[in-house]
């Protein structure tokens, strides 16, 4: 699984053979420049998701439900999920949280909308945690996460993302539940992995957590291309005779 937020990137990711494209609320960070994922709105998520869906021919498209669109009100959660599905054409939604949002998940599932869960570090709760450090290192939090995973499976989630938790705990969760577990900073004992595409391509060169493997350095390559263009325009080399009419 990789993220995508626009038509052009989604088309390449889909053609590459990625199983799942996540239209993540991380768009708030990498596309809009916000410090957290909290500011992005439901309509903005639908804009990004609809752009991705228009590009995709084979991947499953999962859309993050943004902060404030489902917490604490199951009726609002259902309304938000229906709006996402109707207006974006996405295939499923993803929600952060465990037993505290079970009622909202259940209500959405009754409408026939598939739900992917998200446990561990849940970025929408950053002001509750106060930091992006590894979650569930202590025994009580680890037990609560395991209980939440079982609850998400029981209510009907088709998969769960585990973010930034100890690898041993993630492996235990993957062995305990029957639905797929997708990790990000959760070790290799799970069923799949997800990364933010701008991070793994090295576009955001200032973000370097331990779990991130960079498969390219597009920041450097793009800088070289832009600087070469500037030089060619200023020197009169571009456009050449073969590049004009």
C-alpha atoms as a PDB file:
ATOM      1  CA  UNK A   1       0.000   0.000   0.000  1.00  0.00           C
ATOM      2  CA  UNK A   2       1.164   3.508  -0.889  1.00  0.00           C
ATOM      3  CA  UNK A   3      -0.475   6.899  -0.600  1.00  0.00           C
ATOM      4  CA  UNK A   4      -1.546   9.078  -3.516  1.00  0.00           C
ATOM      5  CA  UNK A   5      -3.393  12.377  -3.587  1.00  0.00           C
ATOM      6  CA  UNK A   6      -3.620  13.395  -7.253  1.00  0.00           C
ATOM      7  CA  UNK A   7      -4.361  11.954 -10.699  1.00  0.00           C
ATOM      8  CA  UNK A   8      -0.822  11.876 -12.126  1.00  0.00           C
ATOM      9  CA  UNK A   9       0.830  10.193  -9.134  1.00  0.00           C
ATOM     10  CA  UNK A  10      -2.039   7.741  -8.668  1.00  0.00           C
ATOM     11  CA  UNK A  11      -1.820   6.639 -12.298  1.00  0.00           C
ATOM     12  CA  UNK A  12       1.852   5.746 -11.920  1.00  0.00           C
ATOM     13  CA  UNK A  13       1.329   3.994  -8.571  1.00  0.00           C
ATOM     14  CA  UNK A  14      -1.575   1.995 -10.016  1.00  0.00           C
ATOM     15  CA  UNK A  15       0.359   1.020 -13.146  1.00  0.00           C
ATOM     16  CA  UNK A  16       3.270  -0.132 -10.974  1.00  0.00           C
ATOM     17  CA  UNK A  17       1.046  -2.833  -9.470  1.00  0.00           C
ATOM     18  CA  UNK A  18       0.377  -1.538  -5.949  1.00  0.00           C
ATOM     19  CA  UNK A  19      -2.462  -3.501  -4.324  1.00  0.00           C
ATOM     20  CA  UNK A  20      -3.955  -0.647  -2.284  1.00  0.00           C
ATOM     21  CA  UNK A  21      -3.775   3.126  -2.710  1.00  0.00           C
ATOM     22  CA  UNK A  22      -4.462   5.112   0.452  1.00  0.00           C
ATOM     23  CA  UNK A  23      -5.770   8.625  -0.037  1.00  0.00           C
ATOM     24  CA  UNK A  24      -4.360   9.615   3.323  1.00  0.00           C
ATOM     25  CA  UNK A  25      -5.174  12.613   5.470  1.00  0.00           C
ATOM     26  CA  UNK A  26      -1.384  12.998   5.293  1.00  0.00           C
ATOM     27  CA  UNK A  27      -2.341  15.181   2.325  1.00  0.00           C
ATOM     28  CA  UNK A  28      -2.740  17.823   5.030  1.00  0.00           C
ATOM     29  CA  UNK A  29       1.040  17.633   5.556  1.00  0.00           C
ATOM     30  CA  UNK A  30       2.581  16.828   2.183  1.00  0.00           C
ATOM     31  CA  UNK A  31       0.125  18.606  -0.123  1.00  0.00           C
ATOM     32  CA  UNK A  32      -1.028  21.569   1.991  1.00  0.00           C
ATOM     33  CA  UNK A  33       1.944  22.119   4.322  1.00  0.00           C
ATOM     34  CA  UNK A  34       0.079  21.832   7.613  1.00  0.00           C
ATOM     35  CA  UNK A  35       1.957  20.710  10.713  1.00  0.00           C
ATOM     36  CA  UNK A  36      -0.636  18.013  11.525  1.00  0.00           C
ATOM     37  CA  UNK A  37      -3.357  16.036   9.752  1.00  0.00           C
ATOM     38  CA  UNK A  38      -6.107  17.789  11.715  1.00  0.00           C
ATOM     39  CA  UNK A  39      -6.882  20.791   9.433  1.00  0.00           C
ATOM     40  CA  UNK A  40      -7.869  18.845   6.298  1.00  0.00           C
ATOM     41  CA  UNK A  41     -11.619  18.848   5.690  1.00  0.00           C
ATOM     42  CA  UNK A  42     -14.050  16.245   4.413  1.00  0.00           C
ATOM     43  CA  UNK A  43     -14.529  18.119   1.138  1.00  0.00           C
ATOM     44  CA  UNK A  44     -10.762  18.400   0.650  1.00  0.00           C
ATOM     45  CA  UNK A  45     -10.374  14.656   1.209  1.00  0.00           C
ATOM     46  CA  UNK A  46     -13.108  14.023  -1.352  1.00  0.00           C
ATOM     47  CA  UNK A  47     -11.308  16.309  -3.843  1.00  0.00           C
ATOM     48  CA  UNK A  48      -8.072  14.334  -3.469  1.00  0.00           C
ATOM     49  CA  UNK A  49      -9.857  10.969  -3.513  1.00  0.00           C
ATOM     50  CA  UNK A  50     -11.874  11.726  -6.637  1.00  0.00           C
ATOM     51  CA  UNK A  51      -8.655  12.785  -8.411  1.00  0.00           C
ATOM     52  CA  UNK A  52      -7.063   9.453  -7.469  1.00  0.00           C
ATOM     53  CA  UNK A  53     -10.088   7.344  -8.417  1.00  0.00           C
ATOM     54  CA  UNK A  54     -10.140   8.848 -11.928  1.00  0.00           C
ATOM     55  CA  UNK A  55      -6.601   7.521 -12.460  1.00  0.00           C
ATOM     56  CA  UNK A  56      -6.982   4.024 -11.038  1.00  0.00           C
ATOM     57  CA  UNK A  57      -7.780   0.935 -13.093  1.00  0.00           C
ATOM     58  CA  UNK A  58      -6.844  -1.879 -10.720  1.00  0.00           C
ATOM     59  CA  UNK A  59      -5.861  -0.813  -7.176  1.00  0.00           C
ATOM     60  CA  UNK A  60      -8.216  -0.758  -4.187  1.00  0.00           C
ATOM     61  CA  UNK A  61      -8.684   2.894  -3.170  1.00  0.00           C
ATOM     62  CA  UNK A  62      -9.069   3.518   0.574  1.00  0.00           C
ATOM     63  CA  UNK A  63      -9.953   7.036   1.739  1.00  0.00           C
ATOM     64  CA  UNK A  64      -9.078   8.415   5.177  1.00  0.00           C
ATOM     65  CA  UNK A  65     -11.983   9.893   7.083  1.00  0.00           C
ATOM     66  CA  UNK A  66     -10.600  13.205   8.384  1.00  0.00           C
ATOM     67  CA  UNK A  67     -10.558  14.424  11.965  1.00  0.00           C
ATOM     68  CA  UNK A  68     -13.971  15.576  13.134  1.00  0.00           C
ATOM     69  CA  UNK A  69     -15.969  13.608  10.565  1.00  0.00           C
ATOM     70  CA  UNK A  70     -16.710  10.547  12.713  1.00  0.00           C
ATOM     71  CA  UNK A  71     -15.517  10.868  16.326  1.00  0.00           C
ATOM     72  CA  UNK A  72     -18.250  10.862  18.958  1.00  0.00           C
ATOM     73  CA  UNK A  73     -21.264  10.832  16.656  1.00  0.00           C
ATOM     74  CA  UNK A  74     -22.168   7.669  14.746  1.00  0.00           C
ATOM     75  CA  UNK A  75     -24.852   9.432  12.682  1.00  0.00           C
ATOM     76  CA  UNK A  76     -22.342  12.026  11.518  1.00  0.00           C
ATOM     77  CA  UNK A  77     -19.838   9.239  10.856  1.00  0.00           C
ATOM     78  CA  UNK A  78     -22.282   7.445   8.562  1.00  0.00           C
ATOM     79  CA  UNK A  79     -23.146  10.676   6.781  1.00  0.00           C
ATOM     80  CA  UNK A  80     -19.451  11.460   6.259  1.00  0.00           C
ATOM     81  CA  UNK A  81     -18.672   7.969   4.943  1.00  0.00           C
ATOM     82  CA  UNK A  82     -21.623   8.037   2.528  1.00  0.00           C
ATOM     83  CA  UNK A  83     -20.527  11.464   1.253  1.00  0.00           C
ATOM     84  CA  UNK A  84     -16.996  10.146   0.634  1.00  0.00           C
ATOM     85  CA  UNK A  85     -18.218   7.073  -1.241  1.00  0.00           C
ATOM     86  CA  UNK A  86     -20.832   8.916  -3.344  1.00  0.00           C
ATOM     87  CA  UNK A  87     -18.719  11.926  -4.277  1.00  0.00           C
ATOM     88  CA  UNK A  88     -15.238  10.392  -4.616  1.00  0.00           C
ATOM     89  CA  UNK A  89     -15.943   6.914  -5.983  1.00  0.00           C
ATOM     90  CA  UNK A  90     -13.544   5.398  -3.444  1.00  0.00           C
ATOM     91  CA  UNK A  91     -13.827   1.750  -2.482  1.00  0.00           C
ATOM     92  CA  UNK A  92     -13.454   1.909   1.328  1.00  0.00           C
ATOM     93  CA  UNK A  93     -12.768   4.287   4.211  1.00  0.00           C
ATOM     94  CA  UNK A  94     -10.122   4.222   6.955  1.00  0.00           C
ATOM     95  CA  UNK A  95     -10.762   5.343  10.541  1.00  0.00           C
ATOM     96  CA  UNK A  96      -8.364   5.896  13.442  1.00  0.00           C
ATOM     97  CA  UNK A  97      -9.227   4.416  16.819  1.00  0.00           C
ATOM     98  CA  UNK A  98     -10.379   1.314  18.649  1.00  0.00           C
ATOM     99  CA  UNK A  99     -13.288   0.491  20.900  1.00  0.00           C
ATOM    100  CA  UNK A 100     -14.204   4.168  21.344  1.00  0.00           C
ATOM    101  CA  UNK A 101     -15.343   4.358  17.681  1.00  0.00           C
ATOM    102  CA  UNK A 102     -16.864   0.867  17.366  1.00  0.00           C
ATOM    103  CA  UNK A 103     -20.421   2.259  17.199  1.00  0.00           C
ATOM    104  CA  UNK A 104     -19.469   4.541  14.303  1.00  0.00           C
ATOM    105  CA  UNK A 105     -17.696   1.719  12.448  1.00  0.00           C
ATOM    106  CA  UNK A 106     -20.680  -0.590  12.910  1.00  0.00           C
ATOM    107  CA  UNK A 107     -23.082   2.026  11.593  1.00  0.00           C
ATOM    108  CA  UNK A 108     -20.941   2.623   8.505  1.00  0.00           C
ATOM    109  CA  UNK A 109     -20.658  -1.108   7.840  1.00  0.00           C
ATOM    110  CA  UNK A 110     -24.446  -1.478   7.926  1.00  0.00           C
ATOM    111  CA  UNK A 111     -24.537   0.825   4.887  1.00  0.00           C
ATOM    112  CA  UNK A 112     -22.293  -1.595   2.995  1.00  0.00           C
ATOM    113  CA  UNK A 113     -19.189   0.591   3.202  1.00  0.00           C
ATOM    114  CA  UNK A 114     -15.949  -1.358   3.881  1.00  0.00           C
ATOM    115  CA  UNK A 115     -13.855  -0.006   6.767  1.00  0.00           C
ATOM    116  CA  UNK A 116     -10.109  -0.303   7.369  1.00  0.00           C
ATOM    117  CA  UNK A 117      -9.002   0.315  10.968  1.00  0.00           C
ATOM    118  CA  UNK A 118      -5.937   2.175  12.238  1.00  0.00           C
ATOM    119  CA  UNK A 119      -4.286   1.586  15.632  1.00  0.00           C
ATOM    120  CA  UNK A 120      -1.031   2.469  17.395  1.00  0.00           C
ATOM    121  CA  UNK A 121       0.179   5.960  16.611  1.00  0.00           C
ATOM    122  CA  UNK A 122      -2.979   7.688  15.414  1.00  0.00           C
ATOM    123  CA  UNK A 123      -1.906  11.092  14.062  1.00  0.00           C
ATOM    124  CA  UNK A 124      -5.372  12.619  14.476  1.00  0.00           C
ATOM    125  CA  UNK A 125      -4.819  12.237  18.237  1.00  0.00           C
ATOM    126  CA  UNK A 126      -1.465  14.024  18.233  1.00  0.00           C
ATOM    127  CA  UNK A 127      -2.568  16.610  20.796  1.00  0.00           C
ATOM    128  CA  UNK A 128      -3.684  13.818  23.107  1.00  0.00           C
ATOM    129  CA  UNK A 129      -0.351  11.991  22.789  1.00  0.00           C
ATOM    130  CA  UNK A 130       1.735  15.165  22.589  1.00  0.00           C
ATOM    131  CA  UNK A 131       4.388  13.464  20.470  1.00  0.00           C
ATOM    132  CA  UNK A 132       4.912  11.107  17.522  1.00  0.00           C
ATOM    133  CA  UNK A 133       6.961   8.583  19.526  1.00  0.00           C
ATOM    134  CA  UNK A 134       6.441   4.813  19.387  1.00  0.00           C
ATOM    135  CA  UNK A 135       3.150   3.710  20.946  1.00  0.00           C
ATOM    136  CA  UNK A 136       2.204   0.615  23.012  1.00  0.00           C
ATOM    137  CA  UNK A 137       5.634   0.036  24.541  1.00  0.00           C
ATOM    138  CA  UNK A 138       4.098  -0.402  27.990  1.00  0.00           C
ATOM    139  CA  UNK A 139       2.182  -3.565  28.833  1.00  0.00           C
ATOM    140  CA  UNK A 140      -1.157  -1.891  29.578  1.00  0.00           C
ATOM    141  CA  UNK A 141      -1.204   0.031  26.299  1.00  0.00           C
ATOM    142  CA  UNK A 142      -0.093  -3.095  24.406  1.00  0.00           C
ATOM    143  CA  UNK A 143      -2.980  -5.070  25.914  1.00  0.00           C
ATOM    144  CA  UNK A 144      -5.418  -2.290  25.024  1.00  0.00           C
ATOM    145  CA  UNK A 145      -4.149  -2.281  21.442  1.00  0.00           C
ATOM    146  CA  UNK A 146      -4.601  -6.052  21.187  1.00  0.00           C
ATOM    147  CA  UNK A 147      -8.134  -5.749  22.563  1.00  0.00           C
ATOM    148  CA  UNK A 148      -8.857  -2.959  20.082  1.00  0.00           C
ATOM    149  CA  UNK A 149      -7.581  -5.068  17.176  1.00  0.00           C
ATOM    150  CA  UNK A 150      -9.868  -7.938  18.195  1.00  0.00           C
ATOM    151  CA  UNK A 151     -12.782  -5.511  18.505  1.00  0.00           C
ATOM    152  CA  UNK A 152     -12.146  -4.047  15.046  1.00  0.00           C
ATOM    153  CA  UNK A 153     -12.064  -7.536  13.572  1.00  0.00           C
ATOM    154  CA  UNK A 154     -15.230  -8.535  15.416  1.00  0.00           C
ATOM    155  CA  UNK A 155     -17.210  -5.495  14.274  1.00  0.00           C
ATOM    156  CA  UNK A 156     -16.261  -6.200  10.639  1.00  0.00           C
ATOM    157  CA  UNK A 157     -13.183  -4.208   9.589  1.00  0.00           C
ATOM    158  CA  UNK A 158     -11.512  -5.851   6.587  1.00  0.00           C
ATOM    159  CA  UNK A 159      -7.957  -4.803   7.549  1.00  0.00           C
ATOM    160  CA  UNK A 160      -6.039  -2.757  10.129  1.00  0.00           C
ATOM    161  CA  UNK A 161      -3.092  -0.377   9.822  1.00  0.00           C
ATOM    162  CA  UNK A 162      -0.664  -0.547  12.758  1.00  0.00           C
ATOM    163  CA  UNK A 163       1.525   2.542  12.997  1.00  0.00           C
ATOM    164  CA  UNK A 164       4.773   2.941  14.903  1.00  0.00           C
ATOM    165  CA  UNK A 165       4.485   0.161  17.489  1.00  0.00           C
ATOM    166  CA  UNK A 166       7.021  -2.488  18.602  1.00  0.00           C
ATOM    167  CA  UNK A 167       7.569  -5.146  15.913  1.00  0.00           C
ATOM    168  CA  UNK A 168       6.976  -7.988  18.372  1.00  0.00           C
ATOM    169  CA  UNK A 169       3.557  -6.631  19.318  1.00  0.00           C
ATOM    170  CA  UNK A 170       2.579  -6.075  15.684  1.00  0.00           C
ATOM    171  CA  UNK A 171       3.542  -9.672  14.862  1.00  0.00           C
ATOM    172  CA  UNK A 172       1.396 -10.910  17.767  1.00  0.00           C
ATOM    173  CA  UNK A 173      -1.572  -8.916  16.522  1.00  0.00           C
ATOM    174  CA  UNK A 174      -1.099 -10.292  13.002  1.00  0.00           C
ATOM    175  CA  UNK A 175      -1.090 -13.856  14.341  1.00  0.00           C
ATOM    176  CA  UNK A 176      -4.086 -13.267  16.609  1.00  0.00           C
ATOM    177  CA  UNK A 177      -6.534 -11.744  14.125  1.00  0.00           C
ATOM    178  CA  UNK A 178      -7.476 -13.205  10.755  1.00  0.00           C
ATOM    179  CA  UNK A 179      -7.809  -9.954   8.810  1.00  0.00           C
ATOM    180  CA  UNK A 180      -4.764  -8.409   7.070  1.00  0.00           C
ATOM    181  CA  UNK A 181      -2.485  -6.217   9.183  1.00  0.00           C
ATOM    182  CA  UNK A 182      -0.682  -3.421   7.327  1.00  0.00           C
ATOM    183  CA  UNK A 183       2.340  -1.945   9.058  1.00  0.00           C
ATOM    184  CA  UNK A 184       4.100   1.413   9.015  1.00  0.00           C
ATOM    185  CA  UNK A 185       6.946   1.378  11.493  1.00  0.00           C
ATOM    186  CA  UNK A 186       5.599  -1.907  12.841  1.00  0.00           C
ATOM    187  CA  UNK A 187       8.210  -4.420  11.683  1.00  0.00           C
ATOM    188  CA  UNK A 188       8.046  -7.217   9.115  1.00  0.00           C
ATOM    189  CA  UNK A 189       5.867  -9.688  11.008  1.00  0.00           C
ATOM    190  CA  UNK A 190       2.675  -8.278   9.482  1.00  0.00           C
ATOM    191  CA  UNK A 191       0.847  -8.938   6.221  1.00  0.00           C
ATOM    192  CA  UNK A 192       1.705  -5.782   4.275  1.00  0.00           C
ATOM    193  CA  UNK A 193       3.317  -2.356   4.459  1.00  0.00           C
ATOM    194  CA  UNK A 194       2.307   1.236   3.741  1.00  0.00           C
ATOM    195  CA  UNK A 195       4.441   4.329   3.181  1.00  0.00           C
ATOM    196  CA  UNK A 196       3.704   7.917   2.206  1.00  0.00           C
ATOM    197  CA  UNK A 197       4.755   8.154  -1.439  1.00  0.00           C
ATOM    198  CA  UNK A 198       6.434  11.557  -1.031  1.00  0.00           C
ATOM    199  CA  UNK A 199       8.569  10.105   1.768  1.00  0.00           C
ATOM    200  CA  UNK A 200       9.675   6.898   0.041  1.00  0.00           C
ATOM    201  CA  UNK A 201      10.531   8.814  -3.151  1.00  0.00           C
ATOM    202  CA  UNK A 202      12.717  11.254  -1.208  1.00  0.00           C
ATOM    203  CA  UNK A 203      10.691  14.331  -2.127  1.00  0.00           C
ATOM    204  CA  UNK A 204      10.399  15.273   1.547  1.00  0.00           C
ATOM    205  CA  UNK A 205      14.086  15.031   2.354  1.00  0.00           C
ATOM    206  CA  UNK A 206      13.729  16.461   5.883  1.00  0.00           C
ATOM    207  CA  UNK A 207      11.600  13.499   7.114  1.00  0.00           C
ATOM    208  CA  UNK A 208      13.836  10.616   8.187  1.00  0.00           C
ATOM    209  CA  UNK A 209      12.195   8.262  10.723  1.00  0.00           C
ATOM    210  CA  UNK A 210      13.775   4.866  11.313  1.00  0.00           C
ATOM    211  CA  UNK A 211      10.987   2.988   9.541  1.00  0.00           C
ATOM    212  CA  UNK A 212      11.326   4.905   6.269  1.00  0.00           C
ATOM    213  CA  UNK A 213      13.266   3.351   3.403  1.00  0.00           C
ATOM    214  CA  UNK A 214      13.886   5.891   0.643  1.00  0.00           C
ATOM    215  CA  UNK A 215      13.727   4.311  -2.809  1.00  0.00           C
ATOM    216  CA  UNK A 216      14.855   7.452  -4.589  1.00  0.00           C
ATOM    217  CA  UNK A 217      16.086  11.000  -3.983  1.00  0.00           C
ATOM    218  CA  UNK A 218      13.668  12.971  -6.128  1.00  0.00           C
ATOM    219  CA  UNK A 219      14.336  16.146  -4.160  1.00  0.00           C
ATOM    220  CA  UNK A 220      17.890  16.228  -5.512  1.00  0.00           C
ATOM    221  CA  UNK A 221      16.896  15.149  -9.026  1.00  0.00           C
ATOM    222  CA  UNK A 222      14.110  17.719  -9.239  1.00  0.00           C
ATOM    223  CA  UNK A 223      16.387  20.486  -7.948  1.00  0.00           C
ATOM    224  CA  UNK A 224      18.940  19.621 -10.659  1.00  0.00           C
ATOM    225  CA  UNK A 225      16.236  19.642 -13.344  1.00  0.00           C
ATOM    226  CA  UNK A 226      14.796  22.991 -12.244  1.00  0.00           C
ATOM    227  CA  UNK A 227      18.246  24.589 -12.012  1.00  0.00           C
ATOM    228  CA  UNK A 228      19.200  23.255 -15.459  1.00  0.00           C
ATOM    229  CA  UNK A 229      15.992  24.739 -16.871  1.00  0.00           C
ATOM    230  CA  UNK A 230      16.735  28.119 -15.286  1.00  0.00           C
ATOM    231  CA  UNK A 231      20.261  28.071 -16.715  1.00  0.00           C
ATOM    232  CA  UNK A 232      19.054  27.074 -20.207  1.00  0.00           C
ATOM    233  CA  UNK A 233      16.389  29.809 -20.308  1.00  0.00           C
ATOM    234  CA  UNK A 234      18.727  32.527 -19.060  1.00  0.00           C
ATOM    235  CA  UNK A 235      21.484  31.542 -21.507  1.00  0.00           C
ATOM    236  CA  UNK A 236      19.087  31.421 -24.451  1.00  0.00           C
ATOM    237  CA  UNK A 237      19.786  27.732 -25.047  1.00  0.00           C
ATOM    238  CA  UNK A 238      16.100  26.864 -24.512  1.00  0.00           C
ATOM    239  CA  UNK A 239      14.166  26.716 -26.712  1.00  0.00           C
ATOM    240  CA  UNK A 240      16.523  25.628 -29.489  1.00  0.00           C
ATOM    241  CA  UNK A 241      15.653  25.774 -33.199  1.00  0.00           C
ATOM    242  CA  UNK A 242      14.267  22.226 -33.055  1.00  0.00           C
ATOM    243  CA  UNK A 243      12.002  23.215 -30.157  1.00  0.00           C
ATOM    244  CA  UNK A 244      10.169  26.047 -31.860  1.00  0.00           C
ATOM    245  CA  UNK A 245       7.700  26.430 -34.735  1.00  0.00           C
END
